[in-house]
Amino acid sequence: MNVIKSVFLLSVLLHGYSAFSQTVTVVEGKVTDKNTGLIMDYANVRFKGSLSAIRTDSAGNYKISSTQKVKAVIVSYLGYQSAEVLIQPGVTNHIDVQLKPQNIQLNDLIVRPHRRKKKEIDTTALYIYHHVVDNKEYNKATSFDSYH
């Protein structure tokens, strides 16, 4: 009986050790503009193929980690080309990323006046009420053949 307890205890300890021995991939660095060298605050940083994502701080710094097997980091910012950088899984990587501006040309800009909403209807009860009031003339009993 003691042998069975010992084997069970040993298997539980080994299983618990393997759950905590997962390798962690850490990526840290700074994001800047490639042309000007200015910091890119609040740029998006995420692992490729993972839901883990963060934003850089106001100084352009970031630090992201994952226990999943990831091989690349994608850095993006509105108006810039996204950058995909390969990393070494299971270790701490220090990667400074420089993003290139992306030229976007707008051909035409059309400005239209604001249209007024006829009625503000936010509940079913208000919808029915307004529908009945709008059709008041048609809802009179004298309008229907069955009431004559």
N, C-alpha and C. Protein backbone atom coordinates (compact mmCIF):
# COMPACT_ATOMS: atom_id res chain seq x y z
N MET A 1 0.82 -1.19 0.00
CA MET A 1 0.00 0.00 0.00
C MET A 1 0.87 1.26 0.00
N ASN A 2 1.98 1.22 0.75
CA ASN A 2 2.88 2.37 0.78
C ASN A 2 3.54 2.61 -0.57
N VAL A 3 3.78 1.55 -1.31
CA VAL A 3 4.40 1.67 -2.63
C VAL A 3 3.44 2.39 -3.58
N ILE A 4 2.16 2.07 -3.52
CA ILE A 4 1.16 2.72 -4.37
C ILE A 4 1.06 4.19 -4.03
N LYS A 5 1.05 4.52 -2.74
CA LYS A 5 1.00 5.92 -2.33
C LYS A 5 2.24 6.67 -2.80
N SER A 6 3.40 6.03 -2.71
CA SER A 6 4.64 6.67 -3.13
C SER A 6 4.65 6.93 -4.63
N VAL A 7 4.20 5.97 -5.40
CA VAL A 7 4.16 6.13 -6.86
C VAL A 7 3.17 7.23 -7.23
N PHE A 8 2.02 7.24 -6.57
CA PHE A 8 1.02 8.27 -6.84
C PHE A 8 1.56 9.66 -6.51
N LEU A 9 2.19 9.79 -5.34
CA LEU A 9 2.75 11.07 -4.92
C LEU A 9 3.85 11.53 -5.88
N LEU A 10 4.69 10.61 -6.32
CA LEU A 10 5.75 10.94 -7.26
C LEU A 10 5.19 11.40 -8.60
N SER A 11 4.14 10.75 -9.09
CA SER A 11 3.54 11.14 -10.37
C SER A 11 2.88 12.51 -10.27
N VAL A 12 2.24 12.80 -9.14
CA VAL A 12 1.63 14.12 -8.95
C VAL A 12 2.69 15.20 -8.91
N LEU A 13 3.79 14.96 -8.22
CA LEU A 13 4.87 15.94 -8.15
C LEU A 13 5.50 16.18 -9.53
N LEU A 14 5.73 15.13 -10.28
CA LEU A 14 6.32 15.30 -11.62
C LEU A 14 5.38 16.01 -12.56
N HIS A 15 4.10 15.71 -12.48
CA HIS A 15 3.13 16.39 -13.33
C HIS A 15 3.04 17.87 -12.97
N GLY A 16 3.03 18.19 -11.69
CA GLY A 16 3.01 19.59 -11.25
C GLY A 16 4.26 20.33 -11.66
N TYR A 17 5.41 19.65 -11.64
CA TYR A 17 6.66 20.29 -12.05
C TYR A 17 6.63 20.61 -13.55
N SER A 18 6.09 19.69 -14.35
CA SER A 18 6.07 19.93 -15.79
C SER A 18 5.12 21.07 -16.15
N ALA A 19 4.07 21.29 -15.38
CA ALA A 19 3.14 22.39 -15.65
C ALA A 19 3.81 23.74 -15.40
N PHE A 20 4.72 23.79 -14.42
CA PHE A 20 5.38 25.06 -14.11
C PHE A 20 6.68 25.25 -14.88
N SER A 21 7.11 24.24 -15.61
CA SER A 21 8.39 24.35 -16.31
C SER A 21 8.22 24.80 -17.76
N GLN A 22 7.10 25.43 -18.11
CA GLN A 22 6.91 25.92 -19.46
C GLN A 22 7.88 27.07 -19.73
N THR A 23 8.37 27.11 -20.94
CA THR A 23 9.29 28.18 -21.29
C THR A 23 8.50 29.44 -21.62
N VAL A 24 9.05 30.56 -21.24
CA VAL A 24 8.41 31.85 -21.46
C VAL A 24 9.24 32.64 -22.46
N THR A 25 8.56 33.14 -23.47
CA THR A 25 9.21 34.00 -24.46
C THR A 25 8.90 35.45 -24.10
N VAL A 26 9.93 36.25 -23.94
CA VAL A 26 9.78 37.66 -23.59
C VAL A 26 10.42 38.50 -24.69
N VAL A 27 9.70 39.52 -25.13
CA VAL A 27 10.23 40.45 -26.13
C VAL A 27 10.05 41.85 -25.57
N GLU A 28 11.13 42.63 -25.58
CA GLU A 28 11.08 44.00 -25.10
C GLU A 28 11.90 44.88 -26.02
N GLY A 29 11.58 46.16 -26.02
CA GLY A 29 12.32 47.07 -26.87
C GLY A 29 11.62 48.41 -26.99
N LYS A 30 11.94 49.11 -28.07
CA LYS A 30 11.41 50.45 -28.31
C LYS A 30 10.99 50.56 -29.77
N VAL A 31 9.92 51.31 -30.03
CA VAL A 31 9.42 51.52 -31.39
C VAL A 31 9.62 52.98 -31.75
N THR A 32 10.28 53.22 -32.91
CA THR A 32 10.55 54.59 -33.36
C THR A 32 10.20 54.72 -34.85
N ASP A 33 10.11 55.97 -35.30
CA ASP A 33 9.90 56.28 -36.71
C ASP A 33 11.24 56.14 -37.43
N LYS A 34 11.24 55.43 -38.55
CA LYS A 34 12.50 55.18 -39.26
C LYS A 34 13.10 56.45 -39.86
N ASN A 35 12.26 57.36 -40.35
CA ASN A 35 12.77 58.58 -40.99
C ASN A 35 13.23 59.63 -39.99
N THR A 36 12.45 59.85 -38.95
CA THR A 36 12.74 60.95 -38.02
C THR A 36 13.39 60.49 -36.72
N GLY A 37 13.24 59.21 -36.37
CA GLY A 37 13.78 58.72 -35.11
C GLY A 37 12.90 59.04 -33.90
N LEU A 38 11.74 59.66 -34.16
CA LEU A 38 10.84 59.99 -33.05
C LEU A 38 10.19 58.73 -32.48
N ILE A 39 9.89 58.78 -31.19
CA ILE A 39 9.27 57.62 -30.54
C ILE A 39 7.85 57.44 -31.05
N MET A 40 7.40 56.20 -31.07
CA MET A 40 6.05 55.86 -31.51
C MET A 40 5.28 55.40 -30.27
N ASP A 41 4.64 56.36 -29.61
CA ASP A 41 3.88 55.99 -28.42
C ASP A 41 2.55 55.35 -28.82
N TYR A 42 2.16 54.35 -28.07
CA TYR A 42 0.89 53.62 -28.24
C TYR A 42 0.82 52.84 -29.55
N ALA A 43 1.96 52.34 -30.04
CA ALA A 43 1.98 51.44 -31.19
C ALA A 43 1.52 50.06 -30.73
N ASN A 44 0.94 49.28 -31.63
CA ASN A 44 0.46 47.93 -31.31
C ASN A 44 1.59 46.92 -31.49
N VAL A 45 1.76 46.06 -30.48
CA VAL A 45 2.76 44.99 -30.53
C VAL A 45 2.05 43.70 -30.17
N ARG A 46 2.19 42.68 -31.07
CA ARG A 46 1.53 41.41 -30.79
C ARG A 46 2.37 40.26 -31.31
N PHE A 47 2.16 39.08 -30.71
CA PHE A 47 2.80 37.88 -31.20
C PHE A 47 2.03 37.37 -32.41
N LYS A 48 2.73 36.94 -33.44
CA LYS A 48 2.08 36.41 -34.64
C LYS A 48 1.44 35.07 -34.29
N GLY A 49 0.16 34.93 -34.65
CA GLY A 49 -0.56 33.69 -34.39
C GLY A 49 -1.05 33.55 -32.96
N SER A 50 -1.05 34.63 -32.21
CA SER A 50 -1.47 34.59 -30.81
C SER A 50 -2.40 35.76 -30.53
N LEU A 51 -3.14 35.67 -29.44
CA LEU A 51 -4.01 36.77 -29.05
C LEU A 51 -3.32 37.74 -28.09
N SER A 52 -2.09 37.43 -27.71
CA SER A 52 -1.34 38.30 -26.80
C SER A 52 -0.91 39.56 -27.53
N ALA A 53 -1.31 40.71 -27.01
CA ALA A 53 -0.97 41.98 -27.63
C ALA A 53 -0.91 43.07 -26.57
N ILE A 54 -0.09 44.09 -26.82
CA ILE A 54 0.01 45.24 -25.93
C ILE A 54 0.22 46.49 -26.78
N ARG A 55 0.30 47.63 -26.11
CA ARG A 55 0.66 48.90 -26.75
C ARG A 55 1.90 49.45 -26.08
N THR A 56 2.67 50.19 -26.85
CA THR A 56 3.86 50.80 -26.27
C THR A 56 3.43 51.92 -25.32
N ASP A 57 4.29 52.24 -24.38
CA ASP A 57 3.98 53.33 -23.45
C ASP A 57 4.27 54.68 -24.11
N SER A 58 4.18 55.75 -23.35
CA SER A 58 4.37 57.09 -23.92
C SER A 58 5.81 57.35 -24.35
N ALA A 59 6.73 56.50 -23.91
CA ALA A 59 8.14 56.64 -24.32
C ALA A 59 8.48 55.68 -25.46
N GLY A 60 7.49 54.94 -25.97
CA GLY A 60 7.71 54.01 -27.07
C GLY A 60 8.22 52.64 -26.66
N ASN A 61 8.33 52.39 -25.35
CA ASN A 61 8.85 51.11 -24.86
C ASN A 61 7.74 50.07 -24.75
N TYR A 62 8.12 48.81 -24.89
CA TYR A 62 7.15 47.72 -24.74
C TYR A 62 7.84 46.50 -24.13
N LYS A 63 7.03 45.64 -23.53
CA LYS A 63 7.50 44.35 -23.01
C LYS A 63 6.30 43.41 -23.06
N ILE A 64 6.44 42.33 -23.80
CA ILE A 64 5.35 41.37 -23.97
C ILE A 64 5.92 39.97 -23.75
N SER A 65 5.12 39.09 -23.14
CA SER A 65 5.58 37.73 -22.89
C SER A 65 4.47 36.74 -23.19
N SER A 66 4.90 35.49 -23.46
CA SER A 66 3.95 34.44 -23.78
C SER A 66 4.56 33.08 -23.46
N THR A 67 3.72 32.14 -23.06
CA THR A 67 4.16 30.76 -22.84
C THR A 67 3.90 29.91 -24.07
N GLN A 68 3.24 30.48 -25.08
CA GLN A 68 2.99 29.75 -26.32
C GLN A 68 4.26 29.74 -27.17
N LYS A 69 4.30 28.82 -28.12
CA LYS A 69 5.45 28.76 -29.04
C LYS A 69 5.23 29.79 -30.14
N VAL A 70 5.85 30.94 -29.99
CA VAL A 70 5.72 32.02 -30.97
C VAL A 70 7.07 32.24 -31.63
N LYS A 71 7.04 32.66 -32.90
CA LYS A 71 8.28 32.83 -33.65
C LYS A 71 8.48 34.24 -34.18
N ALA A 72 7.44 35.09 -34.05
CA ALA A 72 7.56 36.44 -34.60
C ALA A 72 6.69 37.41 -33.83
N VAL A 73 7.08 38.69 -33.90
CA VAL A 73 6.33 39.78 -33.31
C VAL A 73 5.93 40.71 -34.45
N ILE A 74 4.68 41.20 -34.41
CA ILE A 74 4.21 42.14 -35.41
C ILE A 74 3.96 43.48 -34.72
N VAL A 75 4.55 44.53 -35.26
CA VAL A 75 4.41 45.88 -34.72
C VAL A 75 3.67 46.72 -35.76
N SER A 76 2.61 47.41 -35.34
CA SER A 76 1.84 48.22 -36.28
C SER A 76 1.44 49.55 -35.65
N TYR A 77 1.21 50.51 -36.54
CA TYR A 77 0.81 51.86 -36.12
C TYR A 77 0.07 52.48 -37.30
N LEU A 78 -0.99 53.22 -37.02
CA LEU A 78 -1.80 53.82 -38.08
C LEU A 78 -0.96 54.78 -38.91
N GLY A 79 -0.97 54.60 -40.23
CA GLY A 79 -0.20 55.44 -41.13
C GLY A 79 1.22 54.95 -41.37
N TYR A 80 1.56 53.76 -40.83
CA TYR A 80 2.89 53.18 -41.00
C TYR A 80 2.77 51.75 -41.49
N GLN A 81 3.80 51.28 -42.18
CA GLN A 81 3.83 49.90 -42.62
C GLN A 81 4.11 49.00 -41.42
N SER A 82 3.36 47.92 -41.30
CA SER A 82 3.57 46.98 -40.19
C SER A 82 4.92 46.28 -40.38
N ALA A 83 5.55 45.95 -39.25
CA ALA A 83 6.84 45.25 -39.29
C ALA A 83 6.70 43.92 -38.59
N GLU A 84 7.19 42.87 -39.23
CA GLU A 84 7.21 41.53 -38.63
C GLU A 84 8.66 41.17 -38.36
N VAL A 85 8.96 40.87 -37.09
CA VAL A 85 10.33 40.59 -36.68
C VAL A 85 10.39 39.19 -36.08
N LEU A 86 11.32 38.37 -36.59
CA LEU A 86 11.50 37.02 -36.06
C LEU A 86 12.19 37.08 -34.70
N ILE A 87 11.79 36.17 -33.80
CA ILE A 87 12.35 36.14 -32.45
C ILE A 87 12.79 34.72 -32.12
N GLN A 88 13.54 34.59 -31.04
CA GLN A 88 13.94 33.28 -30.53
C GLN A 88 12.98 32.89 -29.42
N PRO A 89 12.23 31.80 -29.60
CA PRO A 89 11.28 31.39 -28.56
C PRO A 89 11.99 30.87 -27.31
N GLY A 90 11.38 31.12 -26.17
CA GLY A 90 11.88 30.59 -24.91
C GLY A 90 12.94 31.42 -24.23
N VAL A 91 13.30 32.57 -24.79
CA VAL A 91 14.31 33.43 -24.18
C VAL A 91 13.81 34.87 -24.18
N THR A 92 14.57 35.76 -23.55
CA THR A 92 14.26 37.19 -23.57
C THR A 92 14.94 37.83 -24.78
N ASN A 93 14.15 38.46 -25.62
CA ASN A 93 14.64 39.12 -26.83
C ASN A 93 14.55 40.63 -26.65
N HIS A 94 15.60 41.36 -27.00
CA HIS A 94 15.55 42.82 -26.99
C HIS A 94 15.56 43.28 -28.44
N ILE A 95 14.43 43.84 -28.89
CA ILE A 95 14.29 44.22 -30.29
C ILE A 95 13.74 45.64 -30.37
N ASP A 96 14.55 46.54 -30.94
CA ASP A 96 14.08 47.89 -31.24
C ASP A 96 13.57 47.89 -32.68
N VAL A 97 12.36 48.41 -32.88
CA VAL A 97 11.72 48.37 -34.19
C VAL A 97 11.58 49.78 -34.73
N GLN A 98 11.91 49.94 -36.01
CA GLN A 98 11.72 51.22 -36.70
C GLN A 98 10.67 51.01 -37.78
N LEU A 99 9.60 51.79 -37.72
CA LEU A 99 8.51 51.67 -38.69
C LEU A 99 8.65 52.73 -39.78
N LYS A 100 8.36 52.31 -41.02
CA LYS A 100 8.41 53.22 -42.17
C LYS A 100 7.04 53.85 -42.38
N PRO A 101 6.99 55.17 -42.61
CA PRO A 101 5.71 55.81 -42.90
C PRO A 101 5.12 55.25 -44.20
N GLN A 102 3.80 55.17 -44.22
CA GLN A 102 3.10 54.69 -45.40
C GLN A 102 2.33 55.86 -46.00
N ASN A 103 2.64 56.19 -47.24
CA ASN A 103 1.97 57.32 -47.90
C ASN A 103 0.58 56.90 -48.35
N ILE A 104 -0.40 57.65 -47.91
CA ILE A 104 -1.78 57.39 -48.29
C ILE A 104 -2.30 58.63 -48.99
N GLN A 105 -2.77 58.46 -50.22
CA GLN A 105 -3.30 59.57 -50.99
C GLN A 105 -4.82 59.48 -51.05
N LEU A 106 -5.47 60.56 -50.74
CA LEU A 106 -6.92 60.64 -50.89
C LEU A 106 -7.21 61.43 -52.15
N ASN A 107 -7.97 60.84 -53.06
CA ASN A 107 -8.29 61.53 -54.31
C ASN A 107 -9.35 62.59 -54.12
N ASP A 108 -10.48 62.22 -53.56
CA ASP A 108 -11.58 63.15 -53.38
C ASP A 108 -12.09 63.08 -51.95
N LEU A 109 -12.55 64.21 -51.50
CA LEU A 109 -13.18 64.27 -50.19
C LEU A 109 -14.57 64.86 -50.39
N ILE A 110 -15.58 64.10 -50.05
CA ILE A 110 -16.96 64.54 -50.25
C ILE A 110 -17.56 64.86 -48.88
N VAL A 111 -18.07 66.07 -48.75
CA VAL A 111 -18.71 66.51 -47.51
C VAL A 111 -20.19 66.64 -47.79
N ARG A 112 -20.99 65.96 -46.99
CA ARG A 112 -22.43 66.01 -47.15
C ARG A 112 -23.05 66.61 -45.89
N PRO A 113 -24.17 67.32 -46.05
CA PRO A 113 -24.81 67.91 -44.87
C PRO A 113 -25.40 66.82 -43.98
N HIS A 114 -25.50 67.15 -42.72
CA HIS A 114 -26.07 66.23 -41.75
C HIS A 114 -27.58 66.11 -41.99
N ARG A 115 -28.06 64.90 -42.04
CA ARG A 115 -29.49 64.68 -42.22
C ARG A 115 -30.13 64.49 -40.85
N ARG A 116 -31.28 65.11 -40.69
CA ARG A 116 -31.99 64.99 -39.43
C ARG A 116 -32.72 63.66 -39.36
N LYS A 117 -32.72 63.09 -38.19
CA LYS A 117 -33.51 61.88 -37.99
C LYS A 117 -34.96 62.29 -37.79
N LYS A 118 -35.85 61.48 -38.33
CA LYS A 118 -37.26 61.81 -38.22
C LYS A 118 -37.73 61.68 -36.78
N LYS A 119 -37.43 60.57 -36.16
CA LYS A 119 -37.84 60.34 -34.77
C LYS A 119 -36.78 59.48 -34.09
N GLU A 120 -36.62 59.69 -32.84
CA GLU A 120 -35.70 58.88 -32.06
C GLU A 120 -36.48 57.74 -31.44
N ILE A 121 -36.25 56.54 -31.92
CA ILE A 121 -36.98 55.37 -31.42
C ILE A 121 -35.94 54.40 -30.86
N ASP A 122 -35.99 54.18 -29.55
CA ASP A 122 -34.99 53.31 -28.96
C ASP A 122 -35.59 52.07 -28.30
N THR A 123 -36.90 51.95 -28.24
CA THR A 123 -37.52 50.75 -27.68
C THR A 123 -38.65 50.28 -28.58
N THR A 124 -39.04 49.05 -28.42
CA THR A 124 -40.13 48.50 -29.21
C THR A 124 -41.44 49.20 -28.90
N ALA A 125 -41.66 49.54 -27.64
CA ALA A 125 -42.90 50.21 -27.26
C ALA A 125 -43.02 51.57 -27.95
N LEU A 126 -41.94 52.33 -28.01
CA LEU A 126 -41.98 53.62 -28.71
C LEU A 126 -42.20 53.43 -30.21
N TYR A 127 -41.63 52.38 -30.77
CA TYR A 127 -41.84 52.10 -32.19
C TYR A 127 -43.32 51.85 -32.47
N ILE A 128 -43.94 51.01 -31.67
CA ILE A 128 -45.36 50.70 -31.86
C ILE A 128 -46.22 51.94 -31.65
N TYR A 129 -45.92 52.71 -30.60
CA TYR A 129 -46.67 53.93 -30.30
C TYR A 129 -46.61 54.90 -31.49
N HIS A 130 -45.40 55.16 -32.00
CA HIS A 130 -45.25 56.08 -33.12
C HIS A 130 -45.93 55.55 -34.39
N HIS A 131 -45.89 54.25 -34.58
CA HIS A 131 -46.53 53.65 -35.75
C HIS A 131 -48.05 53.82 -35.68
N VAL A 132 -48.62 53.65 -34.50
CA VAL A 132 -50.07 53.81 -34.32
C VAL A 132 -50.47 55.27 -34.52
N VAL A 133 -49.70 56.19 -33.94
CA VAL A 133 -50.02 57.62 -34.07
C VAL A 133 -49.90 58.07 -35.53
N ASP A 134 -48.87 57.61 -36.23
CA ASP A 134 -48.69 57.98 -37.64
C ASP A 134 -49.83 57.47 -38.53
N ASN A 135 -50.42 56.34 -38.16
CA ASN A 135 -51.49 55.73 -38.96
C ASN A 135 -52.86 55.90 -38.31
N LYS A 136 -53.05 56.97 -37.59
CA LYS A 136 -54.28 57.22 -36.84
C LYS A 136 -55.52 57.25 -37.75
N GLU A 137 -55.40 57.88 -38.90
CA GLU A 137 -56.54 57.99 -39.82
C GLU A 137 -56.95 56.62 -40.36
N TYR A 138 -55.98 55.75 -40.58
CA TYR A 138 -56.28 54.44 -41.15
C TYR A 138 -56.78 53.46 -40.09
N ASN A 139 -56.58 53.76 -38.83
CA ASN A 139 -56.94 52.84 -37.75
C ASN A 139 -58.34 53.10 -37.18
N LYS A 140 -59.09 54.02 -37.76
CA LYS A 140 -60.46 54.28 -37.28
C LYS A 140 -61.34 53.09 -37.60
N ALA A 141 -62.30 52.84 -36.75
CA ALA A 141 -63.21 51.71 -36.93
C ALA A 141 -64.02 51.83 -38.21
N THR A 142 -64.31 53.04 -38.64
CA THR A 142 -65.12 53.23 -39.86
C THR A 142 -64.33 52.89 -41.12
N SER A 143 -62.99 52.74 -41.01
CA SER A 143 -62.17 52.42 -42.16
C SER A 143 -62.23 50.95 -42.54
N PHE A 144 -62.70 50.11 -41.64
CA PHE A 144 -62.69 48.67 -41.87
C PHE A 144 -64.08 48.19 -42.24
N ASP A 145 -64.17 47.26 -43.18
CA ASP A 145 -65.44 46.71 -43.63
C ASP A 145 -66.13 45.87 -42.55
N SER A 146 -65.35 45.27 -41.68
CA SER A 146 -65.92 44.36 -40.68
C SER A 146 -66.68 45.09 -39.59
N TYR A 147 -66.53 46.39 -39.45
CA TYR A 147 -67.22 47.14 -38.40
C TYR A 147 -68.50 47.79 -38.90
N HIS A 148 -68.88 47.62 -40.15
CA HIS A 148 -70.08 48.27 -40.69
C HIS A 148 -71.31 47.48 -40.41
